[in-house]
Amino acid sequence: MRPTLAAIIAVLALAAGAAARADPVLMISIDGLRPADVLQAPQRGVHDPVLQALAREGAYASGVRDALPSVTYPNHTTLVTGVWPARHGIASNTTFDPLRQNAEGWYWYAPAIKVPTLWDAVHAAGGSSASLGWPVTVDAPAIDYDIPEYWRARTTDDQALVHALTTPGLSEAVQAQTHVTLADVAPTTPEADEAKARAAAAIYALKHPTFFTLHLSSLDHEQHLFGPGSAEAHAALTRIDTAVGGLIAAARAAEPNLVVVIVSDHGFAPVTSDINLGAAFVQAGLIRLDAEGKPVSWDAAPWISGGSAAVVLARPQDPALRATVAALLNDLAADPASGVGQVIGRDQIKALGGAPDADFFVDAKIGYEFAGKLRGPLVTAGSQKGTHGYFPAHPEMRATLIIDGPHLAAHGALGEVDMRDIAPTVAELLGVKLPSADGEPLF
């Protein structure tokens, strides 16, 4: 029997509704989460049953190829824009500061992002956004309920400063429901991540945001201190897993159609040695110090990001300076004892989407990281036991992606994915447009 016109219209209406479906999204970044710590958890002795269940019931990547450099702030910005640092403008964790005048200032401020974000897209579509501890969110007008990540002195005064930068009334409303204060969520500890999860649950109950971004940082901290795969890192991940489970239950009680997106910004590698690259530049006369060892002038300087370092020339059009720096870096890479693995120039940096201001980029060998001493030996004992920041080609730098929701269009393994594809995928889930992204939706 041929279908009636009314039946055809009904089917088309249902199809149109399905195509236009929009669900709220909770995107949780577990800083430094390696994909195998979920996908191969039993073999690794990791206890994270909540994350394992999300992967089993939803869709997951075997690994996510991240940005150059593979550090927190550039990658978190790629996660919400779908473009590499060369386009979004967040080139490292810290700003380039060769004379060390900015007291190790980070890229905290949202106006530094040069392209539209998912928060902007949600705002333009009439939805609301919340964010807790996500990098580069100070002064983000598209975030309706914002507790940004920010610090300066690492003292109690920082809480007063963060309070001034938080959406008015938000911290008080959260504290009234949960007794969680800004001081509770400030540290990079498992306790702080647990407090963040409770605060996020309260924000869902109070505000019902369309899109929520949450950054949990204690796993990264423990892996820096004790190394990836350490008992301390595993213990932190187990506590995060429990906290995430509680948050998801509370958020889905408020928003039954909620899609949960678990991401990380990078992987991790063990470290035994520091490379004091700046000391080599001082010895070559490219950085000049005063009697107290502080830099006073420079011709070329490294911009350190853990396992890699950009190198910036004060006079990029000076061929003699460029040749001098190239010779220095190539000599270091040729010396097996230096720990320097690879040096690339402007064309390769551009192809990888790295900082446009960088004239060279230097990759350390796994097991080494770049450090900031300007005097003394080139290579010293490692100041920490784990790091990231290496060139994204290293498999150790692969990040995590898990997506789970009641109406998800894809399930199971997605293979290895490009981090630029995550923001367009989240936009599709939210039913909003992000045409500036270089990536494509994964499903």
Protein backbone atom coordinates (compact mmCIF):
# COMPACT_ATOMS: atom_id res chain seq x y z
CA MET A 1 0.00 0.00 0.00
CA ARG A 2 1.35 3.40 -0.97
CA PRO A 3 1.97 5.81 1.95
CA THR A 4 -0.37 8.76 2.25
CA LEU A 5 0.81 12.34 1.89
CA ALA A 6 0.20 12.87 5.62
CA ALA A 7 2.40 9.88 6.45
CA ILE A 8 5.18 11.19 4.20
CA ILE A 9 4.99 14.63 5.85
CA ALA A 10 5.12 13.01 9.29
CA VAL A 11 8.23 11.03 8.37
CA LEU A 12 9.92 14.14 6.95
CA ALA A 13 9.06 16.07 10.09
CA LEU A 14 10.56 13.37 12.26
CA ALA A 15 13.69 13.29 10.10
CA ALA A 16 14.02 17.06 10.26
CA GLY A 17 13.61 16.97 14.03
CA ALA A 18 16.26 14.27 14.35
CA ALA A 19 18.66 16.22 12.15
CA ALA A 20 18.15 19.35 14.21
CA ARG A 21 18.41 17.63 17.59
CA ALA A 22 20.25 19.66 20.22
CA ASP A 23 21.30 18.28 23.59
CA PRO A 24 23.08 19.93 26.52
CA VAL A 25 26.76 19.02 26.79
CA LEU A 26 29.05 18.65 29.79
CA MET A 27 32.69 18.69 28.63
CA ILE A 28 35.10 17.55 31.35
CA SER A 29 38.84 17.89 30.81
CA ILE A 30 40.93 15.53 32.93
CA ASP A 31 44.28 17.20 32.45
CA GLY A 32 46.99 14.76 31.32
CA LEU A 33 44.69 11.72 31.02
CA ARG A 34 46.34 9.13 28.78
CA PRO A 35 43.84 7.15 26.68
CA ALA A 36 45.28 3.77 27.70
CA ASP A 37 44.63 4.60 31.37
CA VAL A 38 40.97 4.11 30.46
CA LEU A 39 41.06 1.77 27.47
CA GLN A 40 43.66 -0.56 29.03
CA ALA A 41 42.89 0.17 32.66
CA PRO A 42 42.90 -3.43 33.96
CA GLN A 43 46.26 -4.18 32.34
CA ARG A 44 47.73 -0.99 33.82
CA GLY A 45 46.30 -1.54 37.28
CA VAL A 46 44.12 1.56 37.03
CA HIS A 47 40.74 1.70 38.78
CA ASP A 48 38.48 4.11 36.85
CA PRO A 49 35.18 2.23 36.33
CA VAL A 50 33.12 5.33 35.54
CA LEU A 51 35.35 6.36 32.64
CA GLN A 52 35.54 2.76 31.41
CA ALA A 53 31.73 2.53 31.40
CA LEU A 54 31.41 5.80 29.47
CA ALA A 55 33.80 4.46 26.82
CA ARG A 56 32.06 1.09 26.70
CA GLU A 57 28.58 2.61 26.34
CA GLY A 58 29.52 5.55 24.12
CA ALA A 59 32.18 6.42 21.56
CA TYR A 60 35.90 6.84 22.15
CA ALA A 61 39.14 7.67 20.35
CA SER A 62 42.15 5.39 20.56
CA GLY A 63 44.12 8.64 20.80
CA VAL A 64 43.84 12.34 20.04
CA ARG A 65 46.59 14.14 18.12
CA ASP A 66 47.14 17.43 19.91
CA ALA A 67 48.69 20.82 19.21
CA LEU A 68 52.24 22.13 19.05
CA PRO A 69 53.22 22.47 21.86
CA SER A 70 51.38 19.69 23.71
CA VAL A 71 50.72 21.73 26.85
CA THR A 72 47.56 22.74 28.68
CA TYR A 73 46.50 26.18 27.49
CA PRO A 74 46.98 25.84 23.71
CA ASN A 75 45.20 22.49 23.68
CA HIS A 76 42.30 23.58 25.86
CA THR A 77 41.78 26.45 23.45
CA THR A 78 41.87 24.09 20.47
CA LEU A 79 39.25 21.96 22.26
CA VAL A 80 36.78 24.88 22.23
CA THR A 81 37.72 26.42 18.84
CA GLY A 82 38.67 23.60 16.48
CA VAL A 83 41.84 25.37 15.29
CA TRP A 84 45.57 25.19 16.08
CA PRO A 85 47.46 27.83 18.10
CA ALA A 86 48.60 29.70 14.98
CA ARG A 87 44.96 30.67 14.45
CA HIS A 88 43.53 30.88 17.96
CA GLY A 89 46.48 32.81 19.39
CA ILE A 90 47.25 30.85 22.59
CA ALA A 91 50.76 29.76 21.72
CA SER A 92 51.91 28.25 25.02
CA ASN A 93 50.96 28.19 28.69
CA THR A 94 53.02 31.27 29.46
CA THR A 95 53.40 34.39 27.36
CA PHE A 96 56.75 35.05 25.67
CA ASP A 97 58.77 37.00 28.23
CA PRO A 98 62.51 36.92 27.45
CA LEU A 99 63.40 39.51 30.11
CA ARG A 100 61.20 37.76 32.72
CA GLN A 101 59.26 40.90 33.58
CA ASN A 102 55.77 39.35 33.69
CA ALA A 103 56.30 37.11 36.73
CA GLU A 104 55.58 33.95 34.72
CA GLY A 105 52.23 35.24 33.51
CA TRP A 106 50.02 32.73 31.68
CA TYR A 107 47.50 33.18 28.86
CA TRP A 108 44.61 33.64 31.28
CA TYR A 109 42.52 36.17 29.35
CA ALA A 110 39.77 35.15 26.93
CA PRO A 111 40.09 38.26 24.70
CA ALA A 112 43.46 36.80 23.58
CA ILE A 113 41.54 34.08 21.68
CA LYS A 114 41.34 35.28 18.07
CA VAL A 115 38.56 33.02 16.74
CA PRO A 116 35.01 32.12 17.89
CA THR A 117 34.64 29.55 20.65
CA LEU A 118 31.93 27.03 21.52
CA TRP A 119 30.82 29.44 24.25
CA ASP A 120 30.35 32.12 21.59
CA ALA A 121 28.38 29.72 19.40
CA VAL A 122 26.07 28.72 22.25
CA HIS A 123 25.54 32.36 23.19
CA ALA A 124 24.73 33.26 19.58
CA ALA A 125 22.14 30.46 19.47
CA GLY A 126 20.43 31.72 22.62
CA GLY A 127 21.79 29.10 25.01
CA SER A 128 23.74 29.54 28.23
CA SER A 129 27.23 28.41 29.19
CA ALA A 130 28.98 27.68 32.47
CA SER A 131 32.66 27.08 33.09
CA LEU A 132 34.73 26.12 36.11
CA GLY A 133 38.52 26.22 36.03
CA TRP A 134 38.80 26.08 32.23
CA PRO A 135 41.92 27.78 30.89
CA VAL A 136 41.76 31.15 29.10
CA THR A 137 38.35 32.15 30.47
CA VAL A 138 39.03 35.35 32.40
CA ASP A 139 36.78 38.09 30.95
CA ALA A 140 34.86 35.72 28.65
CA PRO A 141 31.58 37.56 27.95
CA ALA A 142 29.90 34.55 26.27
CA ILE A 143 30.20 32.46 29.46
CA ASP A 144 27.15 33.22 31.60
CA TYR A 145 28.39 31.47 34.77
CA ASP A 146 32.16 31.58 35.00
CA ILE A 147 34.68 30.65 37.69
CA PRO A 148 37.92 31.04 35.71
CA GLU A 149 41.33 29.49 36.30
CA TYR A 150 43.64 32.25 37.51
CA TRP A 151 46.44 32.82 39.97
CA ARG A 152 49.32 35.18 40.57
CA ALA A 153 50.95 35.08 44.00
CA ARG A 154 49.77 31.60 45.02
CA THR A 155 48.62 33.10 48.33
CA THR A 156 45.20 33.61 49.91
CA ASP A 157 44.97 36.94 48.08
CA ASP A 158 44.45 34.93 44.90
CA GLN A 159 40.99 33.90 46.12
CA ALA A 160 39.99 37.55 46.41
CA LEU A 161 41.25 38.11 42.90
CA VAL A 162 39.39 35.08 41.48
CA HIS A 163 36.24 36.22 43.31
CA ALA A 164 36.49 39.56 41.49
CA LEU A 165 36.81 37.71 38.16
CA THR A 166 33.94 35.27 38.84
CA THR A 167 30.36 35.90 37.66
CA PRO A 168 28.80 38.02 40.44
CA GLY A 169 26.88 35.95 42.96
CA LEU A 170 27.92 32.58 41.51
CA SER A 171 30.46 31.54 44.14
CA GLU A 172 28.07 32.56 46.92
CA ALA A 173 25.24 30.52 45.40
CA VAL A 174 27.49 27.47 45.06
CA GLN A 175 28.78 27.83 48.60
CA ALA A 176 25.24 28.08 49.98
CA GLN A 177 24.37 24.73 48.39
CA THR A 178 27.62 22.81 48.86
CA HIS A 179 29.88 24.71 51.33
CA VAL A 180 32.49 24.67 48.53
CA THR A 181 34.49 27.92 48.43
CA LEU A 182 36.85 29.40 45.86
CA ALA A 183 39.71 28.41 48.18
CA ASP A 184 38.54 24.78 47.94
CA VAL A 185 38.71 24.66 44.13
CA ALA A 186 41.97 26.60 43.70
CA PRO A 187 44.67 23.94 44.36
CA THR A 188 45.83 21.28 41.91
CA THR A 189 44.94 18.42 44.27
CA PRO A 190 42.45 15.53 44.19
CA GLU A 191 40.53 17.27 46.98
CA ALA A 192 40.18 20.38 44.81
CA ASP A 193 38.94 18.32 41.85
CA GLU A 194 36.37 16.67 44.11
CA ALA A 195 35.25 20.12 45.25
CA LYS A 196 35.03 21.28 41.62
CA ALA A 197 32.76 18.34 40.80
CA ARG A 198 30.44 19.20 43.72
CA ALA A 199 30.40 22.85 42.68
CA ALA A 200 29.60 21.89 39.07
CA ALA A 201 26.70 19.72 40.25
CA ALA A 202 25.32 22.70 42.18
CA ILE A 203 25.62 24.93 39.12
CA TYR A 204 23.59 22.40 37.12
CA ALA A 205 20.87 22.39 39.77
CA LEU A 206 20.84 26.18 39.97
CA LYS A 207 21.41 27.31 36.38
CA HIS A 208 20.79 24.40 33.94
CA PRO A 209 23.44 25.55 31.43
CA THR A 210 23.31 24.38 27.83
CA PHE A 211 27.08 23.90 27.76
CA PHE A 212 29.45 23.36 30.68
CA THR A 213 33.26 23.21 30.55
CA LEU A 214 35.09 21.82 33.59
CA HIS A 215 38.85 21.45 34.04
CA LEU A 216 40.21 18.91 36.56
CA SER A 217 43.94 19.30 37.08
CA SER A 218 45.17 17.01 39.87
CA LEU A 219 46.13 14.06 37.64
CA ASP A 220 48.48 16.33 35.69
CA HIS A 221 49.98 17.61 38.95
CA GLU A 222 50.58 14.13 40.36
CA GLN A 223 52.14 12.90 37.11
CA HIS A 224 54.55 15.84 37.10
CA LEU A 225 55.55 15.12 40.69
CA PHE A 226 55.64 11.33 40.69
CA GLY A 227 55.59 10.30 37.03
CA PRO A 228 52.97 8.80 34.72
CA GLY A 229 51.89 5.35 35.85
CA SER A 230 52.92 6.02 39.45
CA ALA A 231 50.82 4.86 42.39
CA GLU A 232 50.12 8.50 43.23
CA ALA A 233 48.86 9.23 39.70
CA HIS A 234 46.65 6.13 39.75
CA ALA A 235 45.21 7.13 43.12
CA ALA A 236 44.42 10.63 41.85
CA LEU A 237 42.68 9.22 38.77
CA THR A 238 40.55 6.90 40.90
CA ARG A 239 39.38 9.84 43.00
CA ILE A 240 38.66 11.88 39.88
CA ASP A 241 36.72 8.96 38.42
CA THR A 242 34.48 8.77 41.49
CA ALA A 243 33.95 12.54 41.49
CA VAL A 244 33.08 12.50 37.78
CA GLY A 245 30.55 9.74 38.38
CA GLY A 246 28.82 11.78 41.07
CA LEU A 247 28.78 14.88 38.88
CA ILE A 248 27.33 13.04 35.88
CA ALA A 249 24.54 11.55 38.02
CA ALA A 250 23.65 14.98 39.40
CA ALA A 251 23.89 16.69 36.01
CA ARG A 252 21.68 14.08 34.32
CA ALA A 253 19.13 14.46 37.12
CA ALA A 254 18.95 18.12 36.09
CA GLU A 255 19.33 17.47 32.33
CA PRO A 256 18.23 13.91 31.35
CA ASN A 257 19.43 14.27 27.73
CA LEU A 258 22.90 15.40 28.77
CA VAL A 259 25.84 14.36 26.58
CA VAL A 260 29.08 13.86 28.48
CA VAL A 261 32.33 14.58 26.64
CA ILE A 262 35.51 13.52 28.45
CA VAL A 263 38.68 15.05 27.01
CA SER A 264 42.28 15.60 27.93
CA ASP A 265 44.78 18.08 26.61
CA HIS A 266 47.85 15.86 26.23
CA GLY A 267 49.48 12.66 27.32
CA PHE A 268 52.53 12.25 29.55
CA ALA A 269 56.09 10.91 29.49
CA PRO A 270 58.58 10.12 32.26
CA VAL A 271 61.46 12.55 32.81
CA THR A 272 64.95 12.08 34.25
CA SER A 273 66.85 15.17 33.02
CA ASP A 274 66.45 18.92 32.47
CA ILE A 275 67.88 20.81 29.50
CA ASN A 276 68.69 24.40 30.48
CA LEU A 277 68.42 25.74 26.95
CA GLY A 278 68.63 29.36 28.05
CA ALA A 279 72.07 28.71 29.50
CA ALA A 280 73.29 27.75 26.02
CA PHE A 281 71.91 31.04 24.66
CA VAL A 282 73.70 32.96 27.43
CA GLN A 283 76.97 31.19 26.71
CA ALA A 284 76.57 32.06 23.01
CA GLY A 285 76.04 35.73 23.88
CA LEU A 286 72.45 35.73 22.60
CA ILE A 287 71.05 36.54 26.05
CA ARG A 288 72.91 38.94 28.35
CA LEU A 289 72.60 38.89 32.15
CA ASP A 290 73.26 41.42 34.89
CA ALA A 291 75.44 40.72 37.91
CA GLU A 292 72.51 38.99 39.65
CA GLY A 293 71.92 36.65 36.73
CA LYS A 294 68.78 38.39 35.43
CA PRO A 295 68.38 38.86 31.65
CA VAL A 296 68.76 42.48 30.54
CA SER A 297 68.85 42.17 26.74
CA TRP A 298 68.50 39.49 24.09
CA ASP A 299 68.96 38.73 20.41
CA ALA A 300 67.27 35.33 20.52
CA ALA A 301 65.56 33.48 23.34
CA PRO A 302 63.82 30.15 23.99
CA TRP A 303 60.11 30.05 24.89
CA ILE A 304 59.85 26.89 26.96
CA SER A 305 56.88 24.51 26.97
CA GLY A 306 58.05 21.44 28.86
CA GLY A 307 59.20 18.91 26.29
CA SER A 308 59.64 21.50 23.55
CA ALA A 309 60.71 25.10 23.18
CA ALA A 310 60.00 27.74 20.57
CA VAL A 311 62.87 30.07 19.74
CA VAL A 312 62.14 33.69 18.90
CA LEU A 313 64.53 36.11 17.19
CA ALA A 314 64.56 39.76 18.24
CA ARG A 315 65.34 40.64 14.59
CA PRO A 316 63.70 38.02 12.36
CA GLN A 317 64.95 39.71 9.19
CA ASP A 318 68.61 39.53 10.27
CA PRO A 319 70.16 36.64 8.27
CA ALA A 320 73.37 36.61 10.33
CA LEU A 321 71.40 36.23 13.57
CA ARG A 322 69.26 33.50 12.05
CA ALA A 323 72.36 31.62 10.91
CA THR A 324 73.98 31.93 14.35
CA VAL A 325 70.91 30.56 16.12
CA ALA A 326 70.45 27.77 13.58
CA ALA A 327 74.07 26.71 14.06
CA LEU A 328 73.68 26.68 17.85
CA LEU A 329 70.51 24.59 17.75
CA ASN A 330 71.83 22.17 15.14
CA ASP A 331 75.02 21.65 17.16
CA LEU A 332 72.91 20.80 20.21
CA ALA A 333 70.77 18.36 18.22
CA ALA A 334 73.94 16.68 16.89
CA ASP A 335 75.25 16.11 20.42
CA PRO A 336 73.70 12.91 21.88
CA ALA A 337 74.40 14.16 25.42
CA SER A 338 72.37 17.37 25.01
CA GLY A 339 68.94 15.72 25.11
CA VAL A 340 67.83 17.79 22.11
CA GLY A 341 66.04 15.61 19.59
CA GLN A 342 64.85 17.70 16.65
CA VAL A 343 64.95 21.29 15.37
CA ILE A 344 62.41 22.65 12.88
CA GLY A 345 62.07 26.01 11.14
CA ARG A 346 59.28 28.34 10.12
CA ASP A 347 57.81 26.21 7.31
CA GLN A 348 57.42 23.14 9.51
CA ILE A 349 56.11 25.24 12.41
CA LYS A 350 53.48 26.68 10.10
CA ALA A 351 52.50 23.22 8.87
CA LEU A 352 52.00 22.09 12.49
CA GLY A 353 50.01 25.20 13.42
CA GLY A 354 52.50 26.41 16.01
CA ALA A 355 53.28 29.94 17.18
CA PRO A 356 53.69 32.33 14.22
CA ASP A 357 56.29 34.31 16.21
CA ALA A 358 58.58 31.29 16.51
CA ASP A 359 61.56 31.16 14.15
CA PHE A 360 62.59 27.70 15.33
CA PHE A 361 61.01 24.98 17.45
CA VAL A 362 63.12 22.48 19.39
CA ASP A 363 61.90 19.07 20.55
CA ALA A 364 63.52 17.26 23.47
CA LYS A 365 64.10 13.55 23.50
CA ILE A 366 61.60 11.65 25.62
CA GLY A 367 63.04 11.56 29.14
CA TYR A 368 64.30 15.14 28.91
CA GLU A 369 62.48 18.43 29.38
CA PHE A 370 63.46 22.06 28.91
CA ALA A 371 64.02 24.06 32.09
CA GLY A 372 64.65 27.70 32.89
CA LYS A 373 68.11 28.03 34.43
CA LEU A 374 70.28 30.62 32.67
CA ARG A 375 73.55 29.63 34.31
CA GLY A 376 75.33 26.35 34.93
CA PRO A 377 75.44 23.09 32.99
CA LEU A 378 73.26 22.47 29.96
CA VAL A 379 71.88 19.19 31.34
CA THR A 380 71.01 18.65 34.99
CA ALA A 381 69.01 16.15 37.02
CA GLY A 382 65.28 16.33 36.35
CA SER A 383 63.30 18.73 38.51
CA GLN A 384 60.18 16.56 38.13
CA LYS A 385 59.38 12.98 37.12
CA GLY A 386 56.93 13.49 34.29
CA THR A 387 56.12 16.04 31.64
CA HIS A 388 54.49 16.79 28.27
CA GLY A 389 54.88 19.56 25.71
CA TYR A 390 56.82 17.44 23.20
CA PHE A 391 56.08 17.58 19.49
CA PRO A 392 52.65 16.05 18.85
CA ALA A 393 54.10 13.24 16.72
CA HIS A 394 55.24 11.45 19.88
CA PRO A 395 52.69 8.71 20.70
CA GLU A 396 53.19 9.44 24.40
CA MET A 397 51.46 12.81 23.84
CA ARG A 398 48.16 11.32 22.63
CA ALA A 399 45.17 12.78 24.48
CA THR A 400 41.78 11.28 25.38
CA LEU A 401 38.25 11.58 23.97
CA ILE A 402 35.15 9.76 25.25
CA ILE A 403 31.57 10.76 24.36
CA ASP A 404 28.43 9.30 25.92
CA GLY A 405 24.80 10.34 25.69
CA PRO A 406 21.32 8.83 25.37
CA HIS A 407 20.93 9.88 21.72
CA LEU A 408 24.50 9.49 20.51
CA ALA A 409 24.82 8.81 16.78
CA ALA A 410 28.01 6.74 17.07
CA HIS A 411 29.26 4.08 19.44
CA GLY A 412 32.50 2.20 19.88
CA ALA A 413 35.96 3.02 18.58
CA LEU A 414 36.49 6.15 16.49
CA GLY A 415 40.17 5.41 15.83
CA GLU A 416 42.80 8.09 16.27
CA VAL A 417 41.35 11.59 15.81
CA ASP A 418 42.57 15.14 15.26
CA MET A 419 41.91 17.41 18.25
CA ARG A 420 40.51 20.05 15.87
CA ASP A 421 37.57 17.71 15.19
CA ILE A 422 36.35 17.78 18.79
CA ALA A 423 34.91 21.33 18.86
CA PRO A 424 32.88 20.81 15.64
CA THR A 425 31.61 17.52 17.06
CA VAL A 426 30.50 19.22 20.27
CA ALA A 427 28.89 22.00 18.22
CA GLU A 428 26.92 19.37 16.32
CA LEU A 429 25.76 17.78 19.59
CA LEU A 430 24.70 21.19 20.89
CA GLY A 431 22.92 22.06 17.64
CA VAL A 432 25.03 25.20 17.11
CA LYS A 433 27.31 26.42 14.33
CA LEU A 434 31.09 26.81 14.51
CA PRO A 435 32.07 27.53 10.88
CA SER A 436 35.47 28.96 11.81
CA ALA A 437 36.71 25.53 12.95
CA ASP A 438 39.28 23.76 10.77
CA GLY A 439 38.10 20.35 11.97
CA GLU A 440 35.04 18.32 10.98
CA PRO A 441 32.41 16.58 13.12
CA LEU A 442 33.40 13.02 13.94
CA PHE A 443 29.85 11.73 13.37
